[in-house]
Amino acid sequence: MRLFLLLIIVAIILGIIGATAEGLFYLLIIGILVLAADLVYGAVRFRRGGRRQRRVR
């Protein structure tokens, strides 16, 4: 969960810097790619999360 939230924060920061700074449009593109990868990671992780079997002692 920490990694998911950290990647969202990084994507937002990169997107803001890329959108406002002149000549740094590539940071906006990288921010969008990081956000998309993070959403895929979160979807896979949360979908698979309920299927784990716990050991019974």
PDB file of N, CA and C in Angstrom:
ATOM      1  N   MET A   1       0.817  -1.188   0.000  1.00  0.00           N
ATOM      2  CA  MET A   1       0.000   0.000   0.000  1.00  0.00           C
ATOM      3  C   MET A   1       0.864   1.257   0.000  1.00  0.00           C
ATOM      4  N   ARG A   2       1.964   1.203   0.697  1.00  0.00           N
ATOM      5  CA  ARG A   2       2.857   2.359   0.736  1.00  0.00           C
ATOM      6  C   ARG A   2       3.440   2.641  -0.640  1.00  0.00           C
ATOM      7  N   LEU A   3       3.842   1.585  -1.339  1.00  0.00           N
ATOM      8  CA  LEU A   3       4.406   1.750  -2.679  1.00  0.00           C
ATOM      9  C   LEU A   3       3.373   2.352  -3.621  1.00  0.00           C
ATOM     10  N   PHE A   4       2.136   1.905  -3.530  1.00  0.00           N
ATOM     11  CA  PHE A   4       1.053   2.414  -4.366  1.00  0.00           C
ATOM     12  C   PHE A   4       0.873   3.917  -4.152  1.00  0.00           C
ATOM     13  N   LEU A   5       0.800   4.338  -2.906  1.00  0.00           N
ATOM     14  CA  LEU A   5       0.604   5.753  -2.603  1.00  0.00           C
ATOM     15  C   LEU A   5       1.832   6.583  -2.969  1.00  0.00           C
ATOM     16  N   LEU A   6       3.017   6.047  -2.756  1.00  0.00           N
ATOM     17  CA  LEU A   6       4.244   6.758  -3.109  1.00  0.00           C
ATOM     18  C   LEU A   6       4.303   6.999  -4.618  1.00  0.00           C
ATOM     19  N   LEU A   7       3.957   5.990  -5.405  1.00  0.00           N
ATOM     20  CA  LEU A   7       3.989   6.151  -6.853  1.00  0.00           C
ATOM     21  C   LEU A   7       2.947   7.155  -7.340  1.00  0.00           C
ATOM     22  N   ILE A   8       1.801   7.206  -6.684  1.00  0.00           N
ATOM     23  CA  ILE A   8       0.798   8.212  -7.063  1.00  0.00           C
ATOM     24  C   ILE A   8       1.318   9.617  -6.761  1.00  0.00           C
ATOM     25  N   ILE A   9       1.953   9.791  -5.626  1.00  0.00           N
ATOM     26  CA  ILE A   9       2.507  11.102  -5.266  1.00  0.00           C
ATOM     27  C   ILE A   9       3.594  11.505  -6.250  1.00  0.00           C
ATOM     28  N   VAL A  10       4.471  10.568  -6.604  1.00  0.00           N
ATOM     29  CA  VAL A  10       5.537  10.855  -7.572  1.00  0.00           C
ATOM     30  C   VAL A  10       4.942  11.227  -8.924  1.00  0.00           C
ATOM     31  N   ALA A  11       3.917  10.513  -9.364  1.00  0.00           N
ATOM     32  CA  ALA A  11       3.281  10.808 -10.648  1.00  0.00           C
ATOM     33  C   ALA A  11       2.658  12.204 -10.646  1.00  0.00           C
ATOM     34  N   ILE A  12       2.025  12.572  -9.551  1.00  0.00           N
ATOM     35  CA  ILE A  12       1.412  13.906  -9.462  1.00  0.00           C
ATOM     36  C   ILE A  12       2.481  14.991  -9.498  1.00  0.00           C
ATOM     37  N   ILE A  13       3.552  14.806  -8.748  1.00  0.00           N
ATOM     38  CA  ILE A  13       4.630  15.800  -8.718  1.00  0.00           C
ATOM     39  C   ILE A  13       5.266  15.951 -10.091  1.00  0.00           C
ATOM     40  N   LEU A  14       5.567  14.825 -10.750  1.00  0.00           N
ATOM     41  CA  LEU A  14       6.160  14.892 -12.085  1.00  0.00           C
ATOM     42  C   LEU A  14       5.208  15.550 -13.075  1.00  0.00           C
ATOM     43  N   GLY A  15       3.929  15.257 -12.955  1.00  0.00           N
ATOM     44  CA  GLY A  15       2.952  15.867 -13.846  1.00  0.00           C
ATOM     45  C   GLY A  15       2.852  17.369 -13.659  1.00  0.00           C
ATOM     46  N   ILE A  16       2.874  17.817 -12.420  1.00  0.00           N
ATOM     47  CA  ILE A  16       2.801  19.258 -12.156  1.00  0.00           C
ATOM     48  C   ILE A  16       4.037  19.970 -12.676  1.00  0.00           C
ATOM     49  N   ILE A  17       5.199  19.415 -12.397  1.00  0.00           N
ATOM     50  CA  ILE A  17       6.440  20.035 -12.875  1.00  0.00           C
ATOM     51  C   ILE A  17       6.477  20.033 -14.400  1.00  0.00           C
ATOM     52  N   GLY A  18       6.083  18.919 -15.017  1.00  0.00           N
ATOM     53  CA  GLY A  18       6.105  18.834 -16.472  1.00  0.00           C
ATOM     54  C   GLY A  18       5.113  19.766 -17.141  1.00  0.00           C
ATOM     55  N   ALA A  19       3.993  20.015 -16.500  1.00  0.00           N
ATOM     56  CA  ALA A  19       2.982  20.892 -17.095  1.00  0.00           C
ATOM     57  C   ALA A  19       3.319  22.373 -16.922  1.00  0.00           C
ATOM     58  N   THR A  20       4.024  22.714 -15.861  1.00  0.00           N
ATOM     59  CA  THR A  20       4.281  24.132 -15.598  1.00  0.00           C
ATOM     60  C   THR A  20       5.643  24.613 -16.092  1.00  0.00           C
ATOM     61  N   ALA A  21       6.647  23.766 -16.058  1.00  0.00           N
ATOM     62  CA  ALA A  21       7.988  24.202 -16.449  1.00  0.00           C
ATOM     63  C   ALA A  21       8.133  24.156 -17.969  1.00  0.00           C
ATOM     64  N   GLU A  22       8.688  25.186 -18.507  1.00  0.00           N
ATOM     65  CA  GLU A  22       8.868  25.262 -19.951  1.00  0.00           C
ATOM     66  C   GLU A  22      10.014  24.349 -20.382  1.00  0.00           C
ATOM     67  N   GLY A  23       9.760  23.521 -21.368  1.00  0.00           N
ATOM     68  CA  GLY A  23      10.783  22.623 -21.882  1.00  0.00           C
ATOM     69  C   GLY A  23      10.878  21.301 -21.148  1.00  0.00           C
ATOM     70  N   LEU A  24      10.015  21.056 -20.168  1.00  0.00           N
ATOM     71  CA  LEU A  24      10.060  19.805 -19.425  1.00  0.00           C
ATOM     72  C   LEU A  24       8.787  18.982 -19.637  1.00  0.00           C
ATOM     73  N   PHE A  25       8.289  19.026 -20.874  1.00  0.00           N
ATOM     74  CA  PHE A  25       7.070  18.284 -21.207  1.00  0.00           C
ATOM     75  C   PHE A  25       7.259  16.780 -21.013  1.00  0.00           C
ATOM     76  N   TYR A  26       8.494  16.308 -21.172  1.00  0.00           N
ATOM     77  CA  TYR A  26       8.763  14.884 -21.007  1.00  0.00           C
ATOM     78  C   TYR A  26       8.464  14.420 -19.577  1.00  0.00           C
ATOM     79  N   LEU A  27       8.572  15.298 -18.600  1.00  0.00           N
ATOM     80  CA  LEU A  27       8.231  14.923 -17.221  1.00  0.00           C
ATOM     81  C   LEU A  27       6.734  14.669 -17.077  1.00  0.00           C
ATOM     82  N   LEU A  28       5.936  15.419 -17.802  1.00  0.00           N
ATOM     83  CA  LEU A  28       4.496  15.174 -17.794  1.00  0.00           C
ATOM     84  C   LEU A  28       4.192  13.799 -18.372  1.00  0.00           C
ATOM     85  N   ILE A  29       4.850  13.448 -19.453  1.00  0.00           N
ATOM     86  CA  ILE A  29       4.655  12.134 -20.073  1.00  0.00           C
ATOM     87  C   ILE A  29       5.102  11.029 -19.120  1.00  0.00           C
ATOM     88  N   ILE A  30       6.240  11.204 -18.464  1.00  0.00           N
ATOM     89  CA  ILE A  30       6.730  10.208 -17.501  1.00  0.00           C
ATOM     90  C   ILE A  30       5.760  10.090 -16.327  1.00  0.00           C
ATOM     91  N   GLY A  31       5.221  11.207 -15.858  1.00  0.00           N
ATOM     92  CA  GLY A  31       4.244  11.183 -14.770  1.00  0.00           C
ATOM     93  C   GLY A  31       2.994  10.408 -15.157  1.00  0.00           C
ATOM     94  N   ILE A  32       2.518  10.602 -16.391  1.00  0.00           N
ATOM     95  CA  ILE A  32       1.346   9.873 -16.860  1.00  0.00           C
ATOM     96  C   ILE A  32       1.644   8.382 -16.945  1.00  0.00           C
ATOM     97  N   LEU A  33       2.826   8.019 -17.434  1.00  0.00           N
ATOM     98  CA  LEU A  33       3.205   6.601 -17.531  1.00  0.00           C
ATOM     99  C   LEU A  33       3.333   5.961 -16.151  1.00  0.00           C
ATOM    100  N   VAL A  34       3.903   6.685 -15.197  1.00  0.00           N
ATOM    101  CA  VAL A  34       4.026   6.165 -13.830  1.00  0.00           C
ATOM    102  C   VAL A  34       2.646   5.973 -13.214  1.00  0.00           C
ATOM    103  N   LEU A  35       1.744   6.915 -13.445  1.00  0.00           N
ATOM    104  CA  LEU A  35       0.384   6.795 -12.920  1.00  0.00           C
ATOM    105  C   LEU A  35      -0.331   5.585 -13.527  1.00  0.00           C
ATOM    106  N   ALA A  36      -0.193   5.397 -14.836  1.00  0.00           N
ATOM    107  CA  ALA A  36      -0.835   4.252 -15.492  1.00  0.00           C
ATOM    108  C   ALA A  36      -0.277   2.932 -14.970  1.00  0.00           C
ATOM    109  N   ALA A  37       1.042   2.852 -14.825  1.00  0.00           N
ATOM    110  CA  ALA A  37       1.666   1.628 -14.303  1.00  0.00           C
ATOM    111  C   ALA A  37       1.227   1.374 -12.866  1.00  0.00           C
ATOM    112  N   ASP A  38       1.093   2.438 -12.089  1.00  0.00           N
ATOM    113  CA  ASP A  38       0.663   2.298 -10.704  1.00  0.00           C
ATOM    114  C   ASP A  38      -0.779   1.810 -10.606  1.00  0.00           C
ATOM    115  N   LEU A  39      -1.636   2.295 -11.480  1.00  0.00           N
ATOM    116  CA  LEU A  39      -3.026   1.839 -11.467  1.00  0.00           C
ATOM    117  C   LEU A  39      -3.135   0.366 -11.857  1.00  0.00           C
ATOM    118  N   VAL A  40      -2.312  -0.059 -12.816  1.00  0.00           N
ATOM    119  CA  VAL A  40      -2.299  -1.479 -13.189  1.00  0.00           C
ATOM    120  C   VAL A  40      -1.778  -2.320 -12.028  1.00  0.00           C
ATOM    121  N   TYR A  41      -0.708  -1.867 -11.395  1.00  0.00           N
ATOM    122  CA  TYR A  41      -0.144  -2.571 -10.245  1.00  0.00           C
ATOM    123  C   TYR A  41      -1.175  -2.681  -9.114  1.00  0.00           C
ATOM    124  N   GLY A  42      -1.868  -1.579  -8.842  1.00  0.00           N
ATOM    125  CA  GLY A  42      -2.875  -1.591  -7.784  1.00  0.00           C
ATOM    126  C   GLY A  42      -4.037  -2.510  -8.106  1.00  0.00           C
ATOM    127  N   ALA A  43      -4.474  -2.519  -9.355  1.00  0.00           N
ATOM    128  CA  ALA A  43      -5.584  -3.385  -9.745  1.00  0.00           C
ATOM    129  C   ALA A  43      -5.207  -4.857  -9.610  1.00  0.00           C
ATOM    130  N   VAL A  44      -4.013  -5.209 -10.033  1.00  0.00           N
ATOM    131  CA  VAL A  44      -3.565  -6.602  -9.930  1.00  0.00           C
ATOM    132  C   VAL A  44      -3.404  -7.004  -8.472  1.00  0.00           C
ATOM    133  N   ARG A  45      -2.823  -6.131  -7.692  1.00  0.00           N
ATOM    134  CA  ARG A  45      -2.586  -6.466  -6.293  1.00  0.00           C
ATOM    135  C   ARG A  45      -3.889  -6.600  -5.501  1.00  0.00           C
ATOM    136  N   PHE A  46      -4.815  -5.663  -5.693  1.00  0.00           N
ATOM    137  CA  PHE A  46      -6.056  -5.704  -4.932  1.00  0.00           C
ATOM    138  C   PHE A  46      -6.976  -6.812  -5.407  1.00  0.00           C
ATOM    139  N   ARG A  47      -6.915  -7.155  -6.669  1.00  0.00           N
ATOM    140  CA  ARG A  47      -7.746  -8.243  -7.175  1.00  0.00           C
ATOM    141  C   ARG A  47      -7.254  -9.584  -6.638  1.00  0.00           C
ATOM    142  N   ARG A  48      -5.951  -9.736  -6.564  1.00  0.00           N
ATOM    143  CA  ARG A  48      -5.357 -10.983  -6.106  1.00  0.00           C
ATOM    144  C   ARG A  48      -5.334 -11.082  -4.585  1.00  0.00           C
ATOM    145  N   GLY A  49      -5.497 -10.000  -3.875  1.00  0.00           N
ATOM    146  CA  GLY A  49      -5.343  -9.959  -2.424  1.00  0.00           C
ATOM    147  C   GLY A  49      -6.285 -10.853  -1.648  1.00  0.00           C
ATOM    148  N   GLY A  50      -7.486 -11.089  -2.131  1.00  0.00           N
ATOM    149  CA  GLY A  50      -8.454 -11.877  -1.383  1.00  0.00           C
ATOM    150  C   GLY A  50      -8.294 -13.374  -1.543  1.00  0.00           C
ATOM    151  N   ARG A  51      -7.434 -13.824  -2.410  1.00  0.00           N
ATOM    152  CA  ARG A  51      -7.295 -15.250  -2.693  1.00  0.00           C
ATOM    153  C   ARG A  51      -6.228 -15.946  -1.863  1.00  0.00           C
ATOM    154  N   ARG A  52      -5.515 -15.229  -1.066  1.00  0.00           N
ATOM    155  CA  ARG A  52      -4.449 -15.839  -0.271  1.00  0.00           C
ATOM    156  C   ARG A  52      -5.053 -16.721   0.819  1.00  0.00           C
ATOM    157  N   GLN A  53      -4.424 -17.840   1.026  1.00  0.00           N
ATOM    158  CA  GLN A  53      -4.869 -18.740   2.099  1.00  0.00           C
ATOM    159  C   GLN A  53      -3.917 -18.579   3.273  1.00  0.00           C
ATOM    160  N   ARG A  54      -4.492 -18.444   4.429  1.00  0.00           N
ATOM    161  CA  ARG A  54      -3.673 -18.284   5.631  1.00  0.00           C
ATOM    162  C   ARG A  54      -3.408 -19.649   6.247  1.00  0.00           C
ATOM    163  N   ARG A  55      -2.254 -19.774   6.835  1.00  0.00           N
ATOM    164  CA  ARG A  55      -1.903 -21.021   7.516  1.00  0.00           C
ATOM    165  C   ARG A  55      -2.636 -21.094   8.836  1.00  0.00           C
ATOM    166  N   VAL A  56      -3.118 -22.262   9.131  1.00  0.00           N
ATOM    167  CA  VAL A  56      -3.802 -22.504  10.401  1.00  0.00           C
ATOM    168  C   VAL A  56      -2.832 -23.266  11.283  1.00  0.00           C
ATOM    169  N   ARG A  57      -2.572 -22.731  12.431  1.00  0.00           N
ATOM    170  CA  ARG A  57      -1.608 -23.390  13.320  1.00  0.00           C
ATOM    171  C   ARG A  57      -2.278 -24.366  14.215  1.00  0.00           C
TER     172      ARG A  57
END
